[in-house]
Amino acid sequence: MDKFMLYSLTAGKKALQDGGVNEDVMEELDKTKCGVLIGSAMGGMKVFNDAIEALRISYRKMNPFCVPFATTNMGSTMLTMDLVSLNLDSAMLR
């Protein structure tokens, strides 16, 4: 996981806490109309650079997750998957 994804996860969770989004609020939301939007101009460049360096040695050394982890929208994707896996009512929302 690239560092920008870790920063996105941390910042997103802190934003929910700061916004007062807790279990009661999450239960009232229409989750079909909710989304996560995080902007990143150059996220994932470390993973992409590592893949290019590995490719110089052999294509077998390249990380198969290079392309999805190098895309700039993976920060919001990882946060969304993390919140869904927690059923949106974890301790971080309390």
PDB file of N, CA and C in Angstrom:
ATOM      1  N   MET A   1       0.854  -1.176   0.000  1.00  0.00           N
ATOM      2  CA  MET A   1       0.000   0.000   0.000  1.00  0.00           C
ATOM      3  C   MET A   1       0.896   1.234   0.000  1.00  0.00           C
ATOM      4  N   ASP A   2       0.601   2.155  -0.866  1.00  0.00           N
ATOM      5  CA  ASP A   2       1.367   3.386  -0.958  1.00  0.00           C
ATOM      6  C   ASP A   2       1.029   4.289   0.232  1.00  0.00           C
ATOM      7  N   LYS A   3       1.971   5.142   0.601  1.00  0.00           N
ATOM      8  CA  LYS A   3       1.760   6.002   1.772  1.00  0.00           C
ATOM      9  C   LYS A   3       0.555   6.928   1.616  1.00  0.00           C
ATOM     10  N   PHE A   4       0.282   7.363   0.390  1.00  0.00           N
ATOM     11  CA  PHE A   4      -0.854   8.274   0.226  1.00  0.00           C
ATOM     12  C   PHE A   4      -2.164   7.582   0.595  1.00  0.00           C
ATOM     13  N   MET A   5      -2.235   6.255   0.437  1.00  0.00           N
ATOM     14  CA  MET A   5      -3.437   5.524   0.837  1.00  0.00           C
ATOM     15  C   MET A   5      -3.563   5.488   2.353  1.00  0.00           C
ATOM     16  N   LEU A   6      -2.453   5.316   3.038  1.00  0.00           N
ATOM     17  CA  LEU A   6      -2.473   5.327   4.501  1.00  0.00           C
ATOM     18  C   LEU A   6      -2.886   6.699   5.019  1.00  0.00           C
ATOM     19  N   TYR A   7      -2.379   7.745   4.382  1.00  0.00           N
ATOM     20  CA  TYR A   7      -2.769   9.104   4.763  1.00  0.00           C
ATOM     21  C   TYR A   7      -4.260   9.329   4.510  1.00  0.00           C
ATOM     22  N   SER A   8      -4.763   8.798   3.403  1.00  0.00           N
ATOM     23  CA  SER A   8      -6.183   8.930   3.086  1.00  0.00           C
ATOM     24  C   SER A   8      -7.055   8.223   4.117  1.00  0.00           C
ATOM     25  N   LEU A   9      -6.637   7.022   4.517  1.00  0.00           N
ATOM     26  CA  LEU A   9      -7.391   6.289   5.538  1.00  0.00           C
ATOM     27  C   LEU A   9      -7.435   7.052   6.849  1.00  0.00           C
ATOM     28  N   THR A  10      -6.286   7.531   7.275  1.00  0.00           N
ATOM     29  CA  THR A  10      -6.203   8.257   8.545  1.00  0.00           C
ATOM     30  C   THR A  10      -6.991   9.559   8.486  1.00  0.00           C
ATOM     31  N   ALA A  11      -6.795  10.327   7.423  1.00  0.00           N
ATOM     32  CA  ALA A  11      -7.491  11.611   7.304  1.00  0.00           C
ATOM     33  C   ALA A  11      -8.998  11.408   7.200  1.00  0.00           C
ATOM     34  N   GLY A  12      -9.434  10.400   6.474  1.00  0.00           N
ATOM     35  CA  GLY A  12     -10.864  10.136   6.337  1.00  0.00           C
ATOM     36  C   GLY A  12     -11.517   9.763   7.654  1.00  0.00           C
ATOM     37  N   LYS A  13     -10.850   8.911   8.422  1.00  0.00           N
ATOM     38  CA  LYS A  13     -11.392   8.511   9.728  1.00  0.00           C
ATOM     39  C   LYS A  13     -11.427   9.688  10.685  1.00  0.00           C
ATOM     40  N   LYS A  14     -10.385  10.518  10.657  1.00  0.00           N
ATOM     41  CA  LYS A  14     -10.362  11.691  11.529  1.00  0.00           C
ATOM     42  C   LYS A  14     -11.429  12.703  11.107  1.00  0.00           C
ATOM     43  N   ALA A  15     -11.680  12.813   9.810  1.00  0.00           N
ATOM     44  CA  ALA A  15     -12.723  13.727   9.332  1.00  0.00           C
ATOM     45  C   ALA A  15     -14.092  13.280   9.826  1.00  0.00           C
ATOM     46  N   LEU A  16     -14.349  11.981   9.830  1.00  0.00           N
ATOM     47  CA  LEU A  16     -15.619  11.482  10.355  1.00  0.00           C
ATOM     48  C   LEU A  16     -15.753  11.794  11.845  1.00  0.00           C
ATOM     49  N   GLN A  17     -14.678  11.587  12.586  1.00  0.00           N
ATOM     50  CA  GLN A  17     -14.701  11.898  14.023  1.00  0.00           C
ATOM     51  C   GLN A  17     -14.948  13.385  14.247  1.00  0.00           C
ATOM     52  N   ASP A  18     -14.183  14.226  13.529  1.00  0.00           N
ATOM     53  CA  ASP A  18     -14.321  15.677  13.694  1.00  0.00           C
ATOM     54  C   ASP A  18     -15.702  16.176  13.279  1.00  0.00           C
ATOM     55  N   GLY A  19     -16.298  15.503  12.313  1.00  0.00           N
ATOM     56  CA  GLY A  19     -17.624  15.888  11.845  1.00  0.00           C
ATOM     57  C   GLY A  19     -18.750  15.382  12.728  1.00  0.00           C
ATOM     58  N   GLY A  20     -18.408  14.627  13.757  1.00  0.00           N
ATOM     59  CA  GLY A  20     -19.417  14.120  14.670  1.00  0.00           C
ATOM     60  C   GLY A  20     -20.237  12.973  14.099  1.00  0.00           C
ATOM     61  N   VAL A  21     -19.681  12.284  13.118  1.00  0.00           N
ATOM     62  CA  VAL A  21     -20.396  11.150  12.519  1.00  0.00           C
ATOM     63  C   VAL A  21     -20.195   9.940  13.421  1.00  0.00           C
ATOM     64  N   ASN A  22     -21.260   9.540  14.083  1.00  0.00           N
ATOM     65  CA  ASN A  22     -21.202   8.389  14.979  1.00  0.00           C
ATOM     66  C   ASN A  22     -22.197   7.326  14.514  1.00  0.00           C
ATOM     67  N   GLU A  23     -22.381   6.310  15.315  1.00  0.00           N
ATOM     68  CA  GLU A  23     -23.266   5.201  14.932  1.00  0.00           C
ATOM     69  C   GLU A  23     -24.695   5.666  14.693  1.00  0.00           C
ATOM     70  N   ASP A  24     -25.197   6.570  15.532  1.00  0.00           N
ATOM     71  CA  ASP A  24     -26.574   7.052  15.376  1.00  0.00           C
ATOM     72  C   ASP A  24     -26.758   7.767  14.037  1.00  0.00           C
ATOM     73  N   VAL A  25     -25.795   8.594  13.683  1.00  0.00           N
ATOM     74  CA  VAL A  25     -25.858   9.313  12.418  1.00  0.00           C
ATOM     75  C   VAL A  25     -25.788   8.328  11.251  1.00  0.00           C
ATOM     76  N   MET A  26     -24.904   7.352  11.361  1.00  0.00           N
ATOM     77  CA  MET A  26     -24.737   6.378  10.278  1.00  0.00           C
ATOM     78  C   MET A  26     -25.991   5.536  10.072  1.00  0.00           C
ATOM     79  N   GLU A  27     -26.722   5.247  11.151  1.00  0.00           N
ATOM     80  CA  GLU A  27     -27.947   4.461  11.023  1.00  0.00           C
ATOM     81  C   GLU A  27     -29.036   5.233  10.291  1.00  0.00           C
ATOM     82  N   GLU A  28     -29.035   6.554  10.431  1.00  0.00           N
ATOM     83  CA  GLU A  28     -30.059   7.381   9.804  1.00  0.00           C
ATOM     84  C   GLU A  28     -29.768   7.680   8.333  1.00  0.00           C
ATOM     85  N   LEU A  29     -28.518   7.537   7.917  1.00  0.00           N
ATOM     86  CA  LEU A  29     -28.144   7.868   6.546  1.00  0.00           C
ATOM     87  C   LEU A  29     -28.675   6.851   5.551  1.00  0.00           C
ATOM     88  N   ASP A  30     -29.030   7.336   4.376  1.00  0.00           N
ATOM     89  CA  ASP A  30     -29.349   6.458   3.259  1.00  0.00           C
ATOM     90  C   ASP A  30     -28.015   6.123   2.588  1.00  0.00           C
ATOM     91  N   LYS A  31     -27.481   4.965   2.892  1.00  0.00           N
ATOM     92  CA  LYS A  31     -26.143   4.599   2.439  1.00  0.00           C
ATOM     93  C   LYS A  31     -26.042   4.422   0.928  1.00  0.00           C
ATOM     94  N   THR A  32     -27.188   4.304   0.258  1.00  0.00           N
ATOM     95  CA  THR A  32     -27.152   4.220  -1.203  1.00  0.00           C
ATOM     96  C   THR A  32     -26.877   5.580  -1.834  1.00  0.00           C
ATOM     97  N   LYS A  33     -26.983   6.636  -1.027  1.00  0.00           N
ATOM     98  CA  LYS A  33     -26.738   7.986  -1.531  1.00  0.00           C
ATOM     99  C   LYS A  33     -25.483   8.599  -0.927  1.00  0.00           C
ATOM    100  N   CYS A  34     -24.619   7.768  -0.335  1.00  0.00           N
ATOM    101  CA  CYS A  34     -23.383   8.249   0.291  1.00  0.00           C
ATOM    102  C   CYS A  34     -22.182   7.841  -0.557  1.00  0.00           C
ATOM    103  N   GLY A  35     -21.123   8.582  -0.423  1.00  0.00           N
ATOM    104  CA  GLY A  35     -19.903   8.254  -1.142  1.00  0.00           C
ATOM    105  C   GLY A  35     -18.699   8.855  -0.461  1.00  0.00           C
ATOM    106  N   VAL A  36     -17.541   8.513  -0.964  1.00  0.00           N
ATOM    107  CA  VAL A  36     -16.279   9.032  -0.443  1.00  0.00           C
ATOM    108  C   VAL A  36     -15.548   9.706  -1.592  1.00  0.00           C
ATOM    109  N   LEU A  37     -15.097  10.928  -1.378  1.00  0.00           N
ATOM    110  CA  LEU A  37     -14.358  11.663  -2.393  1.00  0.00           C
ATOM    111  C   LEU A  37     -13.098  12.231  -1.754  1.00  0.00           C
ATOM    112  N   ILE A  38     -11.960  11.803  -2.254  1.00  0.00           N
ATOM    113  CA  ILE A  38     -10.671  12.297  -1.774  1.00  0.00           C
ATOM    114  C   ILE A  38      -9.849  12.664  -2.999  1.00  0.00           C
ATOM    115  N   GLY A  39      -9.326  13.868  -3.032  1.00  0.00           N
ATOM    116  CA  GLY A  39      -8.510  14.303  -4.159  1.00  0.00           C
ATOM    117  C   GLY A  39      -7.045  13.969  -3.948  1.00  0.00           C
ATOM    118  N   SER A  40      -6.404  13.529  -5.011  1.00  0.00           N
ATOM    119  CA  SER A  40      -4.977  13.244  -4.972  1.00  0.00           C
ATOM    120  C   SER A  40      -4.412  13.507  -6.363  1.00  0.00           C
ATOM    121  N   ALA A  41      -3.449  14.394  -6.442  1.00  0.00           N
ATOM    122  CA  ALA A  41      -2.892  14.741  -7.745  1.00  0.00           C
ATOM    123  C   ALA A  41      -1.904  13.687  -8.243  1.00  0.00           C
ATOM    124  N   MET A  42      -1.086  13.162  -7.373  1.00  0.00           N
ATOM    125  CA  MET A  42      -0.038  12.240  -7.809  1.00  0.00           C
ATOM    126  C   MET A  42       0.076  11.035  -6.891  1.00  0.00           C
ATOM    127  N   GLY A  43      -1.005  10.577  -6.323  1.00  0.00           N
ATOM    128  CA  GLY A  43      -0.954   9.439  -5.417  1.00  0.00           C
ATOM    129  C   GLY A  43      -0.512   8.169  -6.113  1.00  0.00           C
ATOM    130  N   GLY A  44       0.209   7.336  -5.401  1.00  0.00           N
ATOM    131  CA  GLY A  44       0.619   6.043  -5.922  1.00  0.00           C
ATOM    132  C   GLY A  44       1.905   6.040  -6.715  1.00  0.00           C
ATOM    133  N   MET A  45       2.628   7.125  -6.735  1.00  0.00           N
ATOM    134  CA  MET A  45       3.837   7.195  -7.559  1.00  0.00           C
ATOM    135  C   MET A  45       4.960   6.303  -7.025  1.00  0.00           C
ATOM    136  N   LYS A  46       5.020   6.079  -5.731  1.00  0.00           N
ATOM    137  CA  LYS A  46       6.047   5.191  -5.165  1.00  0.00           C
ATOM    138  C   LYS A  46       5.838   3.761  -5.652  1.00  0.00           C
ATOM    139  N   VAL A  47       4.605   3.294  -5.613  1.00  0.00           N
ATOM    140  CA  VAL A  47       4.297   1.946  -6.091  1.00  0.00           C
ATOM    141  C   VAL A  47       4.610   1.834  -7.578  1.00  0.00           C
ATOM    142  N   PHE A  48       4.253   2.857  -8.338  1.00  0.00           N
ATOM    143  CA  PHE A  48       4.496   2.860  -9.767  1.00  0.00           C
ATOM    144  C   PHE A  48       5.992   2.842 -10.059  1.00  0.00           C
ATOM    145  N   ASN A  49       6.757   3.655  -9.340  1.00  0.00           N
ATOM    146  CA  ASN A  49       8.208   3.702  -9.529  1.00  0.00           C
ATOM    147  C   ASN A  49       8.850   2.353  -9.172  1.00  0.00           C
ATOM    148  N   ASP A  50       8.408   1.752  -8.081  1.00  0.00           N
ATOM    149  CA  ASP A  50       8.936   0.435  -7.697  1.00  0.00           C
ATOM    150  C   ASP A  50       8.658  -0.606  -8.778  1.00  0.00           C
ATOM    151  N   ALA A  51       7.494  -0.525  -9.402  1.00  0.00           N
ATOM    152  CA  ALA A  51       7.151  -1.477 -10.456  1.00  0.00           C
ATOM    153  C   ALA A  51       8.035  -1.286 -11.685  1.00  0.00           C
ATOM    154  N   ILE A  52       8.336  -0.051 -12.027  1.00  0.00           N
ATOM    155  CA  ILE A  52       9.217   0.215 -13.168  1.00  0.00           C
ATOM    156  C   ILE A  52      10.614  -0.332 -12.894  1.00  0.00           C
ATOM    157  N   GLU A  53      11.111  -0.122 -11.665  1.00  0.00           N
ATOM    158  CA  GLU A  53      12.427  -0.649 -11.302  1.00  0.00           C
ATOM    159  C   GLU A  53      12.441  -2.178 -11.344  1.00  0.00           C
ATOM    160  N   ALA A  54      11.376  -2.811 -10.865  1.00  0.00           N
ATOM    161  CA  ALA A  54      11.293  -4.273 -10.897  1.00  0.00           C
ATOM    162  C   ALA A  54      11.188  -4.784 -12.327  1.00  0.00           C
ATOM    163  N   LEU A  55      10.505  -4.035 -13.175  1.00  0.00           N
ATOM    164  CA  LEU A  55      10.334  -4.426 -14.571  1.00  0.00           C
ATOM    165  C   LEU A  55      11.657  -4.425 -15.317  1.00  0.00           C
ATOM    166  N   ARG A  56      12.571  -3.589 -14.884  1.00  0.00           N
ATOM    167  CA  ARG A  56      13.896  -3.563 -15.516  1.00  0.00           C
ATOM    168  C   ARG A  56      14.643  -4.867 -15.287  1.00  0.00           C
ATOM    169  N   ILE A  57      14.336  -5.542 -14.165  1.00  0.00           N
ATOM    170  CA  ILE A  57      14.979  -6.821 -13.858  1.00  0.00           C
ATOM    171  C   ILE A  57      14.244  -7.942 -14.592  1.00  0.00           C
ATOM    172  N   SER A  58      12.962  -8.055 -14.354  1.00  0.00           N
ATOM    173  CA  SER A  58      12.145  -9.080 -14.990  1.00  0.00           C
ATOM    174  C   SER A  58      10.680  -8.745 -14.762  1.00  0.00           C
ATOM    175  N   TYR A  59       9.844  -9.072 -15.735  1.00  0.00           N
ATOM    176  CA  TYR A  59       8.417  -8.818 -15.561  1.00  0.00           C
ATOM    177  C   TYR A  59       7.845  -9.644 -14.417  1.00  0.00           C
ATOM    178  N   ARG A  60       8.495 -10.735 -14.053  1.00  0.00           N
ATOM    179  CA  ARG A  60       8.029 -11.581 -12.954  1.00  0.00           C
ATOM    180  C   ARG A  60       8.240 -10.923 -11.586  1.00  0.00           C
ATOM    181  N   LYS A  61       9.113  -9.944 -11.521  1.00  0.00           N
ATOM    182  CA  LYS A  61       9.385  -9.245 -10.257  1.00  0.00           C
ATOM    183  C   LYS A  61       8.390  -8.127  -9.990  1.00  0.00           C
ATOM    184  N   MET A  62       7.617  -7.775 -10.988  1.00  0.00           N
ATOM    185  CA  MET A  62       6.691  -6.652 -10.858  1.00  0.00           C
ATOM    186  C   MET A  62       5.493  -7.031  -9.992  1.00  0.00           C
ATOM    187  N   ASN A  63       5.093  -6.128  -9.116  1.00  0.00           N
ATOM    188  CA  ASN A  63       3.946  -6.329  -8.238  1.00  0.00           C
ATOM    189  C   ASN A  63       2.670  -6.367  -9.085  1.00  0.00           C
ATOM    190  N   PRO A  64       1.866  -7.419  -8.966  1.00  0.00           N
ATOM    191  CA  PRO A  64       0.646  -7.484  -9.771  1.00  0.00           C
ATOM    192  C   PRO A  64      -0.380  -6.416  -9.390  1.00  0.00           C
ATOM    193  N   PHE A  65      -0.225  -5.807  -8.238  1.00  0.00           N
ATOM    194  CA  PHE A  65      -1.144  -4.757  -7.805  1.00  0.00           C
ATOM    195  C   PHE A  65      -0.644  -3.363  -8.174  1.00  0.00           C
ATOM    196  N   CYS A  66       0.379  -3.299  -8.987  1.00  0.00           N
ATOM    197  CA  CYS A  66       0.973  -2.014  -9.364  1.00  0.00           C
ATOM    198  C   CYS A  66      -0.059  -1.062  -9.970  1.00  0.00           C
ATOM    199  N   VAL A  67      -0.794  -1.510 -10.956  1.00  0.00           N
ATOM    200  CA  VAL A  67      -1.720  -0.616 -11.656  1.00  0.00           C
ATOM    201  C   VAL A  67      -2.847  -0.141 -10.742  1.00  0.00           C
ATOM    202  N   PRO A  68      -3.545  -1.040 -10.030  1.00  0.00           N
ATOM    203  CA  PRO A  68      -4.609  -0.504  -9.166  1.00  0.00           C
ATOM    204  C   PRO A  68      -4.086   0.378  -8.033  1.00  0.00           C
ATOM    205  N   PHE A  69      -2.926   0.061  -7.485  1.00  0.00           N
ATOM    206  CA  PHE A  69      -2.411   0.869  -6.386  1.00  0.00           C
ATOM    207  C   PHE A  69      -1.786   2.171  -6.863  1.00  0.00           C
ATOM    208  N   ALA A  70      -1.476   2.276  -8.143  1.00  0.00           N
ATOM    209  CA  ALA A  70      -0.882   3.506  -8.659  1.00  0.00           C
ATOM    210  C   ALA A  70      -1.936   4.516  -9.089  1.00  0.00           C
ATOM    211  N   THR A  71      -3.194   4.108  -9.180  1.00  0.00           N
ATOM    212  CA  THR A  71      -4.224   5.058  -9.594  1.00  0.00           C
ATOM    213  C   THR A  71      -4.540   6.024  -8.453  1.00  0.00           C
ATOM    214  N   THR A  72      -4.855   7.247  -8.823  1.00  0.00           N
ATOM    215  CA  THR A  72      -5.030   8.294  -7.810  1.00  0.00           C
ATOM    216  C   THR A  72      -6.322   8.159  -7.020  1.00  0.00           C
ATOM    217  N   ASN A  73      -7.277   7.369  -7.492  1.00  0.00           N
ATOM    218  CA  ASN A  73      -8.535   7.239  -6.751  1.00  0.00           C
ATOM    219  C   ASN A  73      -8.506   6.098  -5.738  1.00  0.00           C
ATOM    220  N   MET A  74      -7.368   5.444  -5.565  1.00  0.00           N
ATOM    221  CA  MET A  74      -7.296   4.331  -4.621  1.00  0.00           C
ATOM    222  C   MET A  74      -7.359   4.792  -3.172  1.00  0.00           C
ATOM    223  N   GLY A  75      -7.038   6.048  -2.883  1.00  0.00           N
ATOM    224  CA  GLY A  75      -7.165   6.543  -1.512  1.00  0.00           C
ATOM    225  C   GLY A  75      -8.607   6.488  -1.041  1.00  0.00           C
ATOM    226  N   SER A  76      -9.514   6.998  -1.861  1.00  0.00           N
ATOM    227  CA  SER A  76     -10.931   6.965  -1.489  1.00  0.00           C
ATOM    228  C   SER A  76     -11.485   5.547  -1.546  1.00  0.00           C
ATOM    229  N   THR A  77     -10.986   4.737  -2.462  1.00  0.00           N
ATOM    230  CA  THR A  77     -11.436   3.345  -2.558  1.00  0.00           C
ATOM    231  C   THR A  77     -11.064   2.561  -1.311  1.00  0.00           C
ATOM    232  N   MET A  78      -9.830   2.722  -0.846  1.00  0.00           N
ATOM    233  CA  MET A  78      -9.379   2.002   0.353  1.00  0.00           C
ATOM    234  C   MET A  78     -10.166   2.455   1.580  1.00  0.00           C
ATOM    235  N   LEU A  79     -10.451   3.750   1.684  1.00  0.00           N
ATOM    236  CA  LEU A  79     -11.248   4.236   2.812  1.00  0.00           C
ATOM    237  C   LEU A  79     -12.660   3.659   2.757  1.00  0.00           C
ATOM    238  N   THR A  80     -13.255   3.641   1.585  1.00  0.00           N
ATOM    239  CA  THR A  80     -14.598   3.076   1.440  1.00  0.00           C
ATOM    240  C   THR A  80     -14.625   1.610   1.827  1.00  0.00           C
ATOM    241  N   MET A  81     -13.661   0.839   1.321  1.00  0.00           N
ATOM    242  CA  MET A  81     -13.618  -0.589   1.655  1.00  0.00           C
ATOM    243  C   MET A  81     -13.391  -0.801   3.143  1.00  0.00           C
ATOM    244  N   ASP A  82     -12.576   0.050   3.755  1.00  0.00           N
ATOM    245  CA  ASP A  82     -12.322  -0.071   5.189  1.00  0.00           C
ATOM    246  C   ASP A  82     -13.592   0.220   5.984  1.00  0.00           C
ATOM    247  N   LEU A  83     -14.326   1.258   5.605  1.00  0.00           N
ATOM    248  CA  LEU A  83     -15.557   1.593   6.317  1.00  0.00           C
ATOM    249  C   LEU A  83     -16.624   0.532   6.118  1.00  0.00           C
ATOM    250  N   VAL A  84     -16.725  -0.020   4.929  1.00  0.00           N
ATOM    251  CA  VAL A  84     -17.712  -1.074   4.677  1.00  0.00           C
ATOM    252  C   VAL A  84     -17.346  -2.335   5.453  1.00  0.00           C
ATOM    253  N   SER A  85     -16.056  -2.651   5.522  1.00  0.00           N
ATOM    254  CA  SER A  85     -15.650  -3.846   6.259  1.00  0.00           C
ATOM    255  C   SER A  85     -15.912  -3.705   7.752  1.00  0.00           C
ATOM    256  N   LEU A  86     -15.983  -2.482   8.228  1.00  0.00           N
ATOM    257  CA  LEU A  86     -16.277  -2.234   9.644  1.00  0.00           C
ATOM    258  C   LEU A  86     -17.772  -2.091   9.882  1.00  0.00           C
ATOM    259  N   ASN A  87     -18.576  -2.291   8.850  1.00  0.00           N
ATOM    260  CA  ASN A  87     -20.033  -2.112   8.900  1.00  0.00           C
ATOM    261  C   ASN A  87     -20.414  -0.707   9.328  1.00  0.00           C
ATOM    262  N   LEU A  88     -19.518   0.244   9.116  1.00  0.00           N
ATOM    263  CA  LEU A  88     -19.769   1.659   9.368  1.00  0.00           C
ATOM    264  C   LEU A  88     -20.144   1.958  10.824  1.00  0.00           C
ATOM    265  N   ASP A  89     -19.854   1.056  11.735  1.00  0.00           N
ATOM    266  CA  ASP A  89     -20.195   1.325  13.141  1.00  0.00           C
ATOM    267  C   ASP A  89     -19.061   0.892  14.078  1.00  0.00           C
ATOM    268  N   SER A  90     -17.848   1.095  13.642  1.00  0.00           N
ATOM    269  CA  SER A  90     -16.713   0.660  14.445  1.00  0.00           C
ATOM    270  C   SER A  90     -16.434   1.634  15.589  1.00  0.00           C
ATOM    271  N   ALA A  91     -15.448   1.292  16.382  1.00  0.00           N
ATOM    272  CA  ALA A  91     -15.079   2.141  17.522  1.00  0.00           C
ATOM    273  C   ALA A  91     -14.571   3.508  17.072  1.00  0.00           C
ATOM    274  N   MET A  92     -14.013   3.602  15.855  1.00  0.00           N
ATOM    275  CA  MET A  92     -13.495   4.894  15.418  1.00  0.00           C
ATOM    276  C   MET A  92     -14.612   5.894  15.168  1.00  0.00           C
ATOM    277  N   LEU A  93     -15.840   5.446  14.993  1.00  0.00           N
ATOM    278  CA  LEU A  93     -16.958   6.354  14.805  1.00  0.00           C
ATOM    279  C   LEU A  93     -17.604   6.775  16.115  1.00  0.00           C
ATOM    280  N   ARG A  94     -17.156   6.203  17.214  1.00  0.00           N
ATOM    281  CA  ARG A  94     -17.748   6.524  18.520  1.00  0.00           C
ATOM    282  C   ARG A  94     -17.102   7.716  19.148  1.00  0.00           C
TER     283      ARG A  94
END
